[in-house]
Amino acid sequence: MLALAITFGIFVLCMASFANWIRPHYMTPITVTAPMGPGAIDTKIPTGAWVLNRDIVDKNGKALNGDIFPAAPPECQQVIQQAEVRGNGTAASA
């Protein structure tokens, strides 16, 4: 029982020290926004950045999941199709 209490005490101490002394020294996250198009965002991401997620979002900031063709405006659908064709390794016509 004593070992459990000591372990729990050390755990609480580590968690408190992490939140108070280590976390404030983390870098702030960077949000990059770019117009829709093949490779448009790649030029804006800093070199060596740790990309946690890449989403296509609507005008309200809600991530579009799965098949985005029904949700995408008609003028964007051709750009999306070209990006998918290039991603499959076949040539896309412009």
Protein backbone atom coordinates (compact mmCIF):
# COMPACT_ATOMS: atom_id res chain seq x y z
CA MET A 1 0.00 0.00 0.00
CA LEU A 2 2.87 2.34 0.77
CA ALA A 3 4.43 1.71 -2.64
CA LEU A 4 1.14 2.59 -4.31
CA ALA A 5 0.88 5.84 -2.35
CA ILE A 6 4.48 6.79 -3.21
CA THR A 7 3.94 6.00 -6.90
CA PHE A 8 0.75 8.04 -6.96
CA GLY A 9 2.49 10.95 -5.23
CA ILE A 10 5.34 10.92 -7.76
CA PHE A 11 2.82 10.75 -10.60
CA VAL A 12 0.91 13.79 -9.28
CA LEU A 13 4.16 15.70 -8.79
CA CYS A 14 5.29 14.95 -12.35
CA MET A 15 1.95 15.96 -13.83
CA ALA A 16 1.89 19.24 -11.88
CA SER A 17 5.46 20.09 -12.82
CA PHE A 18 4.81 19.30 -16.47
CA ALA A 19 1.77 21.58 -16.62
CA ASN A 20 3.43 24.45 -14.75
CA TRP A 21 7.05 24.44 -15.92
CA ILE A 22 7.39 22.50 -19.17
CA ARG A 23 4.23 23.17 -21.19
CA PRO A 24 4.64 26.99 -21.26
CA HIS A 25 7.91 26.51 -23.17
CA TYR A 26 6.26 24.65 -26.06
CA MET A 27 6.02 26.45 -29.37
CA THR A 28 2.60 27.76 -30.27
CA PRO A 29 0.86 25.85 -33.07
CA ILE A 30 0.76 27.39 -36.52
CA THR A 31 -2.38 27.33 -38.63
CA VAL A 32 -1.80 27.69 -42.37
CA THR A 33 -4.61 28.61 -44.72
CA ALA A 34 -4.32 28.46 -48.51
CA PRO A 35 -6.67 28.55 -51.47
CA MET A 36 -7.73 25.20 -52.84
CA GLY A 37 -5.48 23.76 -55.49
CA PRO A 38 -2.74 21.19 -56.05
CA GLY A 39 0.35 22.08 -54.04
CA ALA A 40 -1.05 25.46 -52.91
CA ILE A 41 -0.41 24.81 -49.23
CA ASP A 42 2.99 23.14 -49.65
CA THR A 43 4.71 26.48 -50.26
CA LYS A 44 3.30 27.95 -47.03
CA ILE A 45 4.33 25.16 -44.62
CA PRO A 46 7.67 25.94 -42.94
CA THR A 47 10.51 23.52 -43.71
CA GLY A 48 10.73 20.75 -41.13
CA ALA A 49 7.26 21.46 -39.73
CA TRP A 50 5.52 18.67 -37.88
CA VAL A 51 2.16 18.51 -39.72
CA LEU A 52 -0.47 17.12 -37.39
CA ASN A 53 -3.41 17.29 -39.74
CA ARG A 54 -4.44 18.52 -43.16
CA ASP A 55 -8.11 19.12 -43.74
CA ILE A 56 -10.28 20.74 -46.33
CA VAL A 57 -12.75 22.93 -44.46
CA ASP A 58 -15.90 24.75 -45.49
CA LYS A 59 -16.52 28.47 -44.94
CA ASN A 60 -17.59 27.78 -41.33
CA GLY A 61 -14.37 25.92 -40.49
CA LYS A 62 -15.99 22.46 -40.43
CA ALA A 63 -13.73 19.75 -41.84
CA LEU A 64 -15.11 17.95 -44.89
CA ASN A 65 -14.59 14.21 -44.58
CA GLY A 66 -14.89 11.47 -47.15
CA ASP A 67 -16.14 12.37 -50.61
CA ILE A 68 -16.03 16.15 -50.84
CA PHE A 69 -17.45 16.46 -54.35
CA PRO A 70 -21.06 17.07 -53.26
CA ALA A 71 -19.93 19.73 -50.76
CA ALA A 72 -17.38 21.47 -53.00
CA PRO A 73 -18.44 24.39 -55.18
CA PRO A 74 -18.58 23.56 -58.90
CA GLU A 75 -15.54 25.75 -59.68
CA CYS A 76 -13.44 23.68 -57.25
CA GLN A 77 -14.44 20.23 -58.50
CA GLN A 78 -12.14 20.36 -61.55
CA VAL A 79 -9.17 21.34 -59.34
CA ILE A 80 -9.95 18.48 -56.96
CA GLN A 81 -10.15 15.99 -59.83
CA GLN A 82 -6.79 17.16 -61.21
CA ALA A 83 -5.16 16.80 -57.79
CA GLU A 84 -6.53 13.27 -57.41
CA VAL A 85 -5.28 12.26 -60.86
CA ARG A 86 -1.79 13.62 -60.10
CA GLY A 87 -1.85 11.76 -56.76
CA ASN A 88 -2.49 8.46 -58.58
CA GLY A 89 0.66 8.89 -60.66
CA THR A 90 -1.02 9.48 -63.99
CA ALA A 91 -0.76 12.64 -66.05
CA ALA A 92 -3.47 15.25 -65.69
CA SER A 93 -4.57 17.48 -68.51
CA ALA A 94 -4.82 21.17 -67.70
